[in-house]
Amino acid sequence: MNSLRKIALVTGAGQSIGRGIAIRLAKEGADIVLVDNDATLLRHTAEEITTVGRRVSVFLSDLTRQEQFREAVDHAEKTFGSLDIMVNNPGFERECLNADISYDEVARLINHSVQSTHWGIQAAADKFRQRCQKGTIINVSSSAGHKNPTLIDILTASKMAVRVLTQAASKDLAPAGIVVTLQCFGSIIPTARYVS
């Protein structure tokens, strides 16, 4: 199709959902900024985007601090001249079962889902408003817990919080022409996790 002609920043773009989103946006005609903390995985994603004829840039970061989101957004603007689409895709693994979960693990899961999504919305929205432009923010969550509340655990609760955060941001930012939307996926487990 190749008609999008936008600049998109995708977090967690090294593998799985983030990688798939980045490649699809490139096939639709977007130039892509890939963000992840694994340089090797990012390189593979970047190579695939290059083969579809789109420009790509890599920004290596684990996005655990607010300023890293602003740095990533600034990198997109400096590299490609603008930013049109922000994809917040926080990816991480649960380290233990719910019954054994520690305070630190609860904080990590909540912070990584909710806090990272908030910082991503904030960084992109600030850039869109600064440039007096419309923009799109896509938050990635999970469909877990939507239909079967017995499956809800800390990880799922954090993903449901992202859903509510997205609804609030959508209402807040609509007057500025900024669309905030949510994409929920089922369980997608990278094959590499099972290969030793």
N, C-alpha and C. Protein backbone atom coordinates (compact mmCIF):
# COMPACT_ATOMS: atom_id res chain seq x y z
N MET A 1 0.83 -1.20 0.00
CA MET A 1 0.00 0.00 0.00
C MET A 1 0.87 1.26 0.00
N ASN A 2 1.79 1.37 0.96
CA ASN A 2 2.80 2.44 0.99
C ASN A 2 2.23 3.85 0.88
N SER A 3 1.16 4.14 1.60
CA SER A 3 0.53 5.46 1.47
C SER A 3 0.52 6.27 2.76
N LEU A 4 0.99 5.69 3.86
CA LEU A 4 0.86 6.34 5.16
C LEU A 4 1.68 7.63 5.25
N ARG A 5 2.94 7.59 4.84
CA ARG A 5 3.83 8.76 4.83
C ARG A 5 3.83 9.50 6.17
N LYS A 6 4.04 8.75 7.23
CA LYS A 6 4.10 9.29 8.59
C LYS A 6 5.39 8.83 9.25
N ILE A 7 5.71 9.49 10.37
CA ILE A 7 6.84 9.07 11.20
C ILE A 7 6.27 8.42 12.44
N ALA A 8 6.65 7.16 12.69
CA ALA A 8 6.13 6.42 13.84
C ALA A 8 7.26 5.99 14.75
N LEU A 9 7.05 6.11 16.05
CA LEU A 9 7.98 5.63 17.07
C LEU A 9 7.32 4.44 17.74
N VAL A 10 8.01 3.30 17.79
CA VAL A 10 7.46 2.09 18.38
C VAL A 10 8.38 1.61 19.49
N THR A 11 7.86 1.51 20.71
CA THR A 11 8.66 0.99 21.82
C THR A 11 8.50 -0.53 21.89
N GLY A 12 9.48 -1.18 22.50
CA GLY A 12 9.46 -2.64 22.57
C GLY A 12 9.50 -3.26 21.19
N ALA A 13 10.24 -2.62 20.27
CA ALA A 13 10.19 -2.98 18.85
C ALA A 13 11.16 -4.09 18.46
N GLY A 14 11.88 -4.65 19.42
CA GLY A 14 12.86 -5.68 19.09
C GLY A 14 12.26 -7.03 18.77
N GLN A 15 11.09 -7.33 19.33
CA GLN A 15 10.51 -8.65 19.12
C GLN A 15 9.00 -8.62 19.31
N SER A 16 8.39 -9.72 19.01
CA SER A 16 6.99 -9.98 19.30
C SER A 16 6.05 -8.90 18.76
N ILE A 17 5.14 -8.41 19.60
CA ILE A 17 4.12 -7.46 19.17
C ILE A 17 4.73 -6.18 18.63
N GLY A 18 5.69 -5.62 19.35
CA GLY A 18 6.30 -4.37 18.92
C GLY A 18 6.97 -4.48 17.57
N ARG A 19 7.67 -5.59 17.35
CA ARG A 19 8.32 -5.83 16.06
C ARG A 19 7.28 -5.92 14.95
N GLY A 20 6.22 -6.66 15.21
CA GLY A 20 5.16 -6.81 14.22
C GLY A 20 4.50 -5.49 13.86
N ILE A 21 4.24 -4.67 14.87
CA ILE A 21 3.63 -3.36 14.64
C ILE A 21 4.55 -2.48 13.80
N ALA A 22 5.84 -2.46 14.15
CA ALA A 22 6.80 -1.63 13.42
C ALA A 22 6.89 -2.03 11.95
N ILE A 23 6.96 -3.33 11.70
CA ILE A 23 7.06 -3.81 10.32
C ILE A 23 5.78 -3.50 9.55
N ARG A 24 4.63 -3.68 10.19
CA ARG A 24 3.36 -3.38 9.51
C ARG A 24 3.24 -1.90 9.17
N LEU A 25 3.61 -1.03 10.11
CA LEU A 25 3.57 0.41 9.83
C LEU A 25 4.51 0.77 8.68
N ALA A 26 5.67 0.13 8.63
CA ALA A 26 6.60 0.38 7.53
C ALA A 26 6.00 -0.06 6.20
N LYS A 27 5.36 -1.22 6.19
CA LYS A 27 4.72 -1.71 4.96
C LYS A 27 3.59 -0.79 4.51
N GLU A 28 2.99 -0.09 5.48
CA GLU A 28 1.91 0.86 5.15
C GLU A 28 2.46 2.22 4.73
N GLY A 29 3.79 2.39 4.78
CA GLY A 29 4.39 3.61 4.28
C GLY A 29 4.98 4.55 5.31
N ALA A 30 5.10 4.10 6.56
CA ALA A 30 5.68 4.96 7.61
C ALA A 30 7.18 4.75 7.72
N ASP A 31 7.89 5.81 8.08
CA ASP A 31 9.29 5.70 8.50
C ASP A 31 9.28 5.47 10.01
N ILE A 32 10.19 4.66 10.50
CA ILE A 32 10.07 4.13 11.86
C ILE A 32 11.29 4.44 12.73
N VAL A 33 11.01 4.84 13.97
CA VAL A 33 12.02 4.87 15.03
C VAL A 33 11.75 3.67 15.93
N LEU A 34 12.72 2.79 16.03
CA LEU A 34 12.60 1.58 16.84
C LEU A 34 13.25 1.82 18.20
N VAL A 35 12.53 1.49 19.26
CA VAL A 35 13.07 1.65 20.61
C VAL A 35 13.00 0.31 21.35
N ASP A 36 14.12 -0.09 21.92
CA ASP A 36 14.18 -1.32 22.72
C ASP A 36 15.51 -1.29 23.47
N ASN A 37 15.70 -2.25 24.38
CA ASN A 37 16.96 -2.30 25.13
C ASN A 37 17.89 -3.39 24.62
N ASP A 38 17.53 -4.03 23.51
CA ASP A 38 18.35 -5.10 22.95
C ASP A 38 18.80 -4.71 21.54
N ALA A 39 20.07 -4.36 21.41
CA ALA A 39 20.59 -3.86 20.13
C ALA A 39 20.52 -4.90 19.02
N THR A 40 20.75 -6.16 19.36
CA THR A 40 20.72 -7.22 18.34
C THR A 40 19.32 -7.39 17.78
N LEU A 41 18.33 -7.45 18.65
CA LEU A 41 16.95 -7.59 18.19
C LEU A 41 16.52 -6.38 17.36
N LEU A 42 16.92 -5.19 17.80
CA LEU A 42 16.58 -3.98 17.05
C LEU A 42 17.20 -4.01 15.66
N ARG A 43 18.43 -4.50 15.56
CA ARG A 43 19.11 -4.55 14.27
C ARG A 43 18.33 -5.43 13.29
N HIS A 44 17.84 -6.58 13.77
CA HIS A 44 17.07 -7.48 12.90
C HIS A 44 15.78 -6.83 12.43
N THR A 45 15.09 -6.15 13.34
CA THR A 45 13.86 -5.45 12.96
C THR A 45 14.17 -4.35 11.95
N ALA A 46 15.23 -3.59 12.21
CA ALA A 46 15.62 -2.50 11.31
C ALA A 46 15.94 -3.02 9.91
N GLU A 47 16.62 -4.16 9.84
CA GLU A 47 16.97 -4.74 8.54
C GLU A 47 15.71 -5.10 7.75
N GLU A 48 14.72 -5.63 8.43
CA GLU A 48 13.48 -6.00 7.74
C GLU A 48 12.73 -4.77 7.24
N ILE A 49 12.74 -3.71 8.03
CA ILE A 49 12.08 -2.47 7.61
C ILE A 49 12.79 -1.87 6.40
N THR A 50 14.10 -1.94 6.40
CA THR A 50 14.88 -1.43 5.26
C THR A 50 14.52 -2.16 3.98
N THR A 51 14.25 -3.46 4.08
CA THR A 51 13.92 -4.24 2.88
C THR A 51 12.59 -3.84 2.27
N VAL A 52 11.70 -3.21 3.04
CA VAL A 52 10.43 -2.75 2.46
C VAL A 52 10.53 -1.31 1.95
N GLY A 53 11.75 -0.76 2.01
CA GLY A 53 11.99 0.54 1.39
C GLY A 53 11.68 1.75 2.24
N ARG A 54 11.59 1.56 3.55
CA ARG A 54 11.31 2.70 4.43
C ARG A 54 12.56 3.07 5.22
N ARG A 55 12.61 4.33 5.66
CA ARG A 55 13.71 4.79 6.50
C ARG A 55 13.48 4.28 7.92
N VAL A 56 14.57 3.98 8.61
CA VAL A 56 14.47 3.46 9.98
C VAL A 56 15.63 3.99 10.81
N SER A 57 15.35 4.26 12.07
CA SER A 57 16.38 4.68 13.02
C SER A 57 16.18 3.90 14.31
N VAL A 58 17.28 3.64 15.00
CA VAL A 58 17.25 2.85 16.23
C VAL A 58 17.60 3.74 17.41
N PHE A 59 16.84 3.59 18.50
CA PHE A 59 17.12 4.31 19.75
C PHE A 59 17.16 3.27 20.85
N LEU A 60 18.36 3.03 21.40
CA LEU A 60 18.55 1.99 22.41
C LEU A 60 18.24 2.54 23.80
N SER A 61 17.23 1.96 24.45
CA SER A 61 16.84 2.41 25.79
C SER A 61 15.92 1.38 26.43
N ASP A 62 15.97 1.28 27.77
CA ASP A 62 15.04 0.39 28.47
C ASP A 62 13.78 1.14 28.91
N LEU A 63 13.73 2.45 28.70
CA LEU A 63 12.56 3.27 29.00
C LEU A 63 12.04 3.08 30.42
N THR A 64 12.95 3.10 31.37
CA THR A 64 12.54 2.98 32.77
C THR A 64 12.49 4.33 33.47
N ARG A 65 12.84 5.39 32.75
CA ARG A 65 12.79 6.74 33.34
C ARG A 65 12.04 7.69 32.42
N GLN A 66 11.37 8.66 33.00
CA GLN A 66 10.55 9.59 32.23
C GLN A 66 11.35 10.31 31.14
N GLU A 67 12.56 10.74 31.47
CA GLU A 67 13.33 11.51 30.50
C GLU A 67 13.72 10.68 29.28
N GLN A 68 13.76 9.35 29.42
CA GLN A 68 14.11 8.51 28.27
C GLN A 68 13.04 8.57 27.19
N PHE A 69 11.79 8.73 27.59
CA PHE A 69 10.71 8.88 26.60
C PHE A 69 10.86 10.19 25.83
N ARG A 70 11.18 11.24 26.56
CA ARG A 70 11.38 12.54 25.89
C ARG A 70 12.59 12.49 24.95
N GLU A 71 13.64 11.80 25.39
CA GLU A 71 14.83 11.65 24.54
C GLU A 71 14.50 10.87 23.27
N ALA A 72 13.69 9.82 23.40
CA ALA A 72 13.30 9.03 22.23
C ALA A 72 12.47 9.86 21.25
N VAL A 73 11.53 10.63 21.78
CA VAL A 73 10.69 11.49 20.94
C VAL A 73 11.54 12.57 20.27
N ASP A 74 12.47 13.16 21.01
CA ASP A 74 13.38 14.16 20.43
C ASP A 74 14.24 13.53 19.33
N HIS A 75 14.67 12.29 19.55
CA HIS A 75 15.46 11.58 18.55
C HIS A 75 14.66 11.43 17.25
N ALA A 76 13.38 11.08 17.37
CA ALA A 76 12.53 10.95 16.18
C ALA A 76 12.46 12.26 15.41
N GLU A 77 12.27 13.35 16.14
CA GLU A 77 12.15 14.66 15.50
C GLU A 77 13.47 15.07 14.84
N LYS A 78 14.58 14.85 15.53
CA LYS A 78 15.88 15.23 14.97
C LYS A 78 16.24 14.37 13.76
N THR A 79 15.86 13.11 13.79
CA THR A 79 16.22 12.19 12.71
C THR A 79 15.35 12.38 11.47
N PHE A 80 14.04 12.49 11.68
CA PHE A 80 13.11 12.52 10.55
C PHE A 80 12.34 13.83 10.39
N GLY A 81 12.55 14.77 11.32
CA GLY A 81 11.91 16.08 11.19
C GLY A 81 10.57 16.22 11.87
N SER A 82 9.98 15.11 12.30
CA SER A 82 8.68 15.18 12.97
C SER A 82 8.37 13.86 13.65
N LEU A 83 7.22 13.79 14.26
CA LEU A 83 6.67 12.56 14.82
C LEU A 83 5.17 12.63 14.66
N ASP A 84 4.57 11.57 14.12
CA ASP A 84 3.12 11.54 13.90
C ASP A 84 2.41 10.48 14.71
N ILE A 85 3.10 9.37 14.96
CA ILE A 85 2.48 8.22 15.63
C ILE A 85 3.41 7.73 16.74
N MET A 86 2.85 7.56 17.93
CA MET A 86 3.60 6.99 19.06
C MET A 86 2.93 5.67 19.45
N VAL A 87 3.69 4.59 19.44
CA VAL A 87 3.16 3.29 19.88
C VAL A 87 3.82 2.93 21.20
N ASN A 88 3.04 2.95 22.27
CA ASN A 88 3.51 2.57 23.61
C ASN A 88 3.30 1.07 23.78
N ASN A 89 4.38 0.32 23.73
CA ASN A 89 4.29 -1.13 23.82
C ASN A 89 5.26 -1.65 24.88
N PRO A 90 4.92 -1.47 26.17
CA PRO A 90 5.83 -1.94 27.22
C PRO A 90 5.85 -3.47 27.27
N GLY A 91 7.01 -4.05 27.05
CA GLY A 91 7.12 -5.50 27.06
C GLY A 91 8.01 -5.97 28.20
N PHE A 92 7.57 -6.99 28.91
CA PHE A 92 8.35 -7.52 30.03
C PHE A 92 7.81 -8.88 30.41
N GLU A 93 8.56 -9.59 31.23
CA GLU A 93 8.17 -10.92 31.68
C GLU A 93 7.83 -10.91 33.16
N ARG A 94 6.87 -11.74 33.52
CA ARG A 94 6.55 -11.94 34.93
C ARG A 94 7.57 -12.93 35.49
N GLU A 95 8.11 -12.64 36.65
CA GLU A 95 9.19 -13.47 37.20
C GLU A 95 8.70 -14.60 38.09
N CYS A 96 7.46 -14.54 38.56
CA CYS A 96 6.96 -15.60 39.44
C CYS A 96 5.44 -15.63 39.40
N LEU A 97 4.88 -16.66 40.01
CA LEU A 97 3.43 -16.79 40.07
C LEU A 97 2.85 -15.80 41.08
N ASN A 98 1.55 -15.54 40.95
CA ASN A 98 0.89 -14.57 41.82
C ASN A 98 1.06 -14.87 43.31
N ALA A 99 0.99 -16.15 43.67
CA ALA A 99 1.07 -16.52 45.08
C ALA A 99 2.42 -16.17 45.69
N ASP A 100 3.45 -16.11 44.87
CA ASP A 100 4.80 -15.86 45.36
C ASP A 100 5.30 -14.45 45.07
N ILE A 101 4.45 -13.60 44.56
CA ILE A 101 4.90 -12.29 44.07
C ILE A 101 5.31 -11.38 45.23
N SER A 102 6.43 -10.71 45.05
CA SER A 102 6.96 -9.83 46.08
C SER A 102 6.49 -8.40 45.86
N TYR A 103 6.71 -7.58 46.86
CA TYR A 103 6.37 -6.15 46.75
C TYR A 103 7.12 -5.52 45.58
N ASP A 104 8.41 -5.84 45.46
CA ASP A 104 9.23 -5.26 44.38
C ASP A 104 8.72 -5.68 43.00
N GLU A 105 8.27 -6.94 42.89
CA GLU A 105 7.76 -7.42 41.61
C GLU A 105 6.43 -6.75 41.26
N VAL A 106 5.58 -6.55 42.26
CA VAL A 106 4.32 -5.82 42.03
C VAL A 106 4.62 -4.42 41.53
N ALA A 107 5.56 -3.75 42.20
CA ALA A 107 5.93 -2.38 41.80
C ALA A 107 6.49 -2.37 40.38
N ARG A 108 7.30 -3.36 40.05
CA ARG A 108 7.89 -3.42 38.70
C ARG A 108 6.81 -3.58 37.64
N LEU A 109 5.87 -4.48 37.88
CA LEU A 109 4.80 -4.72 36.90
C LEU A 109 3.91 -3.50 36.72
N ILE A 110 3.52 -2.89 37.83
CA ILE A 110 2.66 -1.70 37.76
C ILE A 110 3.40 -0.56 37.09
N ASN A 111 4.63 -0.33 37.54
CA ASN A 111 5.41 0.78 36.98
C ASN A 111 5.65 0.60 35.49
N HIS A 112 6.00 -0.61 35.10
CA HIS A 112 6.34 -0.82 33.70
C HIS A 112 5.12 -0.65 32.79
N SER A 113 3.98 -1.14 33.21
CA SER A 113 2.78 -1.00 32.38
C SER A 113 2.21 0.41 32.44
N VAL A 114 1.84 0.84 33.63
CA VAL A 114 1.09 2.08 33.78
C VAL A 114 1.99 3.30 33.66
N GLN A 115 3.08 3.30 34.40
CA GLN A 115 3.97 4.46 34.41
C GLN A 115 4.59 4.69 33.03
N SER A 116 5.05 3.61 32.39
CA SER A 116 5.65 3.74 31.06
C SER A 116 4.65 4.26 30.05
N THR A 117 3.43 3.75 30.12
CA THR A 117 2.39 4.23 29.19
C THR A 117 2.11 5.70 29.42
N HIS A 118 2.00 6.10 30.67
CA HIS A 118 1.75 7.51 30.99
C HIS A 118 2.87 8.40 30.45
N TRP A 119 4.12 7.98 30.68
CA TRP A 119 5.26 8.78 30.21
C TRP A 119 5.28 8.87 28.69
N GLY A 120 4.93 7.78 28.02
CA GLY A 120 4.89 7.79 26.56
C GLY A 120 3.82 8.73 26.03
N ILE A 121 2.63 8.68 26.65
CA ILE A 121 1.55 9.60 26.26
C ILE A 121 2.02 11.04 26.46
N GLN A 122 2.59 11.29 27.62
CA GLN A 122 3.02 12.64 27.99
C GLN A 122 4.07 13.18 27.01
N ALA A 123 5.08 12.38 26.71
CA ALA A 123 6.16 12.82 25.83
C ALA A 123 5.65 13.11 24.42
N ALA A 124 4.83 12.20 23.89
CA ALA A 124 4.31 12.39 22.53
C ALA A 124 3.34 13.57 22.47
N ALA A 125 2.42 13.65 23.43
CA ALA A 125 1.43 14.73 23.43
C ALA A 125 2.11 16.09 23.56
N ASP A 126 3.12 16.18 24.41
CA ASP A 126 3.85 17.45 24.56
C ASP A 126 4.51 17.85 23.24
N LYS A 127 5.07 16.87 22.53
CA LYS A 127 5.72 17.16 21.24
C LYS A 127 4.69 17.59 20.20
N PHE A 128 3.55 16.89 20.15
CA PHE A 128 2.50 17.27 19.20
C PHE A 128 2.02 18.69 19.45
N ARG A 129 1.78 19.02 20.72
CA ARG A 129 1.29 20.37 21.06
C ARG A 129 2.35 21.42 20.79
N GLN A 130 3.60 21.10 21.09
CA GLN A 130 4.70 22.03 20.83
C GLN A 130 4.79 22.36 19.34
N ARG A 131 4.52 21.35 18.50
CA ARG A 131 4.59 21.54 17.05
C ARG A 131 3.25 22.00 16.46
N CYS A 132 2.24 22.19 17.33
CA CYS A 132 0.89 22.60 16.88
C CYS A 132 0.37 21.66 15.79
N GLN A 133 0.48 20.36 16.06
CA GLN A 133 0.06 19.38 15.07
C GLN A 133 -0.84 18.32 15.71
N LYS A 134 -1.61 17.65 14.86
CA LYS A 134 -2.37 16.50 15.31
C LYS A 134 -1.42 15.31 15.42
N GLY A 135 -1.86 14.28 16.13
CA GLY A 135 -1.02 13.10 16.26
C GLY A 135 -1.83 11.92 16.76
N THR A 136 -1.22 10.76 16.71
CA THR A 136 -1.88 9.53 17.16
C THR A 136 -0.99 8.82 18.17
N ILE A 137 -1.59 8.41 19.28
CA ILE A 137 -0.90 7.63 20.30
C ILE A 137 -1.64 6.30 20.44
N ILE A 138 -0.93 5.21 20.23
CA ILE A 138 -1.51 3.87 20.33
C ILE A 138 -0.89 3.17 21.53
N ASN A 139 -1.70 2.84 22.51
CA ASN A 139 -1.22 2.11 23.68
C ASN A 139 -1.54 0.63 23.50
N VAL A 140 -0.56 -0.21 23.79
CA VAL A 140 -0.73 -1.65 23.64
C VAL A 140 -0.99 -2.26 25.01
N SER A 141 -2.03 -3.08 25.08
CA SER A 141 -2.39 -3.74 26.33
C SER A 141 -2.69 -5.21 26.03
N SER A 142 -3.49 -5.82 26.88
CA SER A 142 -3.81 -7.23 26.74
C SER A 142 -5.31 -7.45 26.86
N SER A 143 -5.79 -8.46 26.16
CA SER A 143 -7.21 -8.79 26.26
C SER A 143 -7.49 -9.68 27.48
N ALA A 144 -6.45 -10.11 28.18
CA ALA A 144 -6.62 -10.96 29.36
C ALA A 144 -7.48 -10.26 30.40
N GLY A 145 -8.45 -10.95 30.92
CA GLY A 145 -9.31 -10.39 31.95
C GLY A 145 -10.55 -9.71 31.43
N HIS A 146 -10.62 -9.42 30.11
CA HIS A 146 -11.80 -8.76 29.57
C HIS A 146 -13.03 -9.66 29.64
N LYS A 147 -12.82 -10.96 29.34
CA LYS A 147 -13.96 -11.87 29.29
C LYS A 147 -13.97 -12.87 30.43
N ASN A 148 -12.82 -13.08 31.06
CA ASN A 148 -12.72 -14.08 32.12
C ASN A 148 -12.06 -13.46 33.35
N PRO A 149 -12.86 -12.83 34.22
CA PRO A 149 -12.27 -12.15 35.37
C PRO A 149 -11.52 -13.07 36.33
N THR A 150 -11.72 -14.39 36.24
CA THR A 150 -10.98 -15.29 37.12
C THR A 150 -9.50 -15.34 36.75
N LEU A 151 -9.16 -14.85 35.55
CA LEU A 151 -7.76 -14.84 35.12
C LEU A 151 -7.02 -13.59 35.56
N ILE A 152 -7.72 -12.67 36.22
CA ILE A 152 -7.10 -11.41 36.59
C ILE A 152 -6.06 -11.62 37.69
N ASP A 153 -4.87 -11.11 37.47
CA ASP A 153 -3.80 -11.13 38.45
C ASP A 153 -3.14 -9.76 38.41
N ILE A 154 -1.99 -9.61 39.04
CA ILE A 154 -1.32 -8.30 39.08
C ILE A 154 -0.97 -7.81 37.68
N LEU A 155 -0.42 -8.69 36.85
CA LEU A 155 -0.06 -8.29 35.49
C LEU A 155 -1.29 -7.84 34.71
N THR A 156 -2.36 -8.62 34.80
CA THR A 156 -3.59 -8.27 34.09
C THR A 156 -4.18 -6.98 34.64
N ALA A 157 -4.13 -6.81 35.96
CA ALA A 157 -4.65 -5.58 36.56
C ALA A 157 -3.89 -4.36 36.05
N SER A 158 -2.57 -4.51 35.87
CA SER A 158 -1.78 -3.39 35.35
C SER A 158 -2.18 -3.08 33.91
N LYS A 159 -2.49 -4.11 33.15
CA LYS A 159 -2.91 -3.91 31.76
C LYS A 159 -4.30 -3.26 31.70
N MET A 160 -5.17 -3.64 32.63
CA MET A 160 -6.50 -3.01 32.68
C MET A 160 -6.37 -1.54 33.08
N ALA A 161 -5.39 -1.23 33.91
CA ALA A 161 -5.14 0.17 34.28
C ALA A 161 -4.72 0.98 33.05
N VAL A 162 -3.96 0.35 32.15
CA VAL A 162 -3.58 1.01 30.90
C VAL A 162 -4.82 1.34 30.08
N ARG A 163 -5.79 0.45 30.10
CA ARG A 163 -7.05 0.68 29.39
C ARG A 163 -7.75 1.93 29.91
N VAL A 164 -7.84 2.06 31.23
CA VAL A 164 -8.50 3.22 31.84
C VAL A 164 -7.70 4.49 31.57
N LEU A 165 -6.38 4.39 31.68
CA LEU A 165 -5.51 5.54 31.41
C LEU A 165 -5.70 6.02 29.97
N THR A 166 -5.83 5.09 29.05
CA THR A 166 -6.04 5.43 27.64
C THR A 166 -7.37 6.16 27.45
N GLN A 167 -8.42 5.68 28.10
CA GLN A 167 -9.73 6.34 27.99
C GLN A 167 -9.66 7.77 28.50
N ALA A 168 -8.98 7.97 29.62
CA ALA A 168 -8.86 9.32 30.19
C ALA A 168 -8.05 10.23 29.27
N ALA A 169 -6.92 9.72 28.77
CA ALA A 169 -6.07 10.52 27.89
C ALA A 169 -6.78 10.86 26.59
N SER A 170 -7.58 9.93 26.10
CA SER A 170 -8.33 10.16 24.86
C SER A 170 -9.26 11.36 25.00
N LYS A 171 -9.95 11.44 26.13
CA LYS A 171 -10.86 12.58 26.37
C LYS A 171 -10.08 13.87 26.58
N ASP A 172 -9.00 13.79 27.33
CA ASP A 172 -8.21 14.99 27.65
C ASP A 172 -7.56 15.60 26.41
N LEU A 173 -7.07 14.75 25.51
CA LEU A 173 -6.26 15.23 24.39
C LEU A 173 -7.04 15.44 23.09
N ALA A 174 -8.28 14.97 23.05
CA ALA A 174 -9.08 15.13 21.83
C ALA A 174 -9.22 16.57 21.37
N PRO A 175 -9.43 17.55 22.28
CA PRO A 175 -9.55 18.94 21.81
C PRO A 175 -8.30 19.45 21.09
N ALA A 176 -7.15 18.85 21.36
CA ALA A 176 -5.90 19.26 20.70
C ALA A 176 -5.68 18.52 19.38
N GLY A 177 -6.64 17.67 19.00
CA GLY A 177 -6.49 16.90 17.77
C GLY A 177 -5.59 15.70 17.91
N ILE A 178 -5.40 15.25 19.15
CA ILE A 178 -4.54 14.09 19.41
C ILE A 178 -5.43 12.89 19.71
N VAL A 179 -5.30 11.86 18.90
CA VAL A 179 -6.09 10.64 19.07
C VAL A 179 -5.29 9.67 19.94
N VAL A 180 -5.91 9.21 21.01
CA VAL A 180 -5.28 8.20 21.88
C VAL A 180 -6.17 6.97 21.85
N THR A 181 -5.59 5.86 21.44
CA THR A 181 -6.38 4.65 21.28
C THR A 181 -5.66 3.45 21.90
N LEU A 182 -6.39 2.36 22.05
CA LEU A 182 -5.87 1.16 22.71
C LEU A 182 -5.96 -0.03 21.77
N GLN A 183 -4.90 -0.82 21.73
CA GLN A 183 -4.91 -2.06 20.97
C GLN A 183 -4.63 -3.20 21.95
N CYS A 184 -5.58 -4.11 22.09
CA CYS A 184 -5.42 -5.24 23.02
C CYS A 184 -5.16 -6.53 22.25
N PHE A 185 -4.11 -7.23 22.65
CA PHE A 185 -3.75 -8.50 22.04
C PHE A 185 -3.92 -9.62 23.05
N GLY A 186 -4.00 -10.85 22.57
CA GLY A 186 -3.99 -12.01 23.45
C GLY A 186 -2.55 -12.33 23.81
N SER A 187 -2.33 -13.51 24.34
CA SER A 187 -0.98 -13.92 24.74
C SER A 187 -0.15 -14.25 23.51
N ILE A 188 0.99 -13.56 23.40
CA ILE A 188 1.94 -13.84 22.32
C ILE A 188 3.29 -14.05 22.98
N ILE A 189 3.80 -15.27 22.89
CA ILE A 189 5.05 -15.62 23.57
C ILE A 189 6.13 -15.83 22.52
N PRO A 190 7.22 -15.06 22.56
CA PRO A 190 8.29 -15.22 21.57
C PRO A 190 8.86 -16.63 21.58
N THR A 191 9.04 -17.20 20.41
CA THR A 191 9.57 -18.56 20.29
C THR A 191 10.93 -18.70 20.97
N ALA A 192 11.75 -17.66 20.88
CA ALA A 192 13.11 -17.72 21.43
C ALA A 192 13.13 -18.04 22.92
N ARG A 193 12.06 -17.73 23.62
CA ARG A 193 12.01 -17.99 25.06
C ARG A 193 12.06 -19.49 25.34
N TYR A 194 11.64 -20.31 24.36
CA TYR A 194 11.60 -21.75 24.58
C TYR A 194 12.75 -22.49 23.90
N VAL A 195 13.66 -21.74 23.31
CA VAL A 195 14.80 -22.36 22.62
C VAL A 195 16.04 -22.19 23.50
N SER A 196 16.68 -23.30 23.83
CA SER A 196 17.86 -23.20 24.69
C SER A 196 19.12 -23.44 23.89
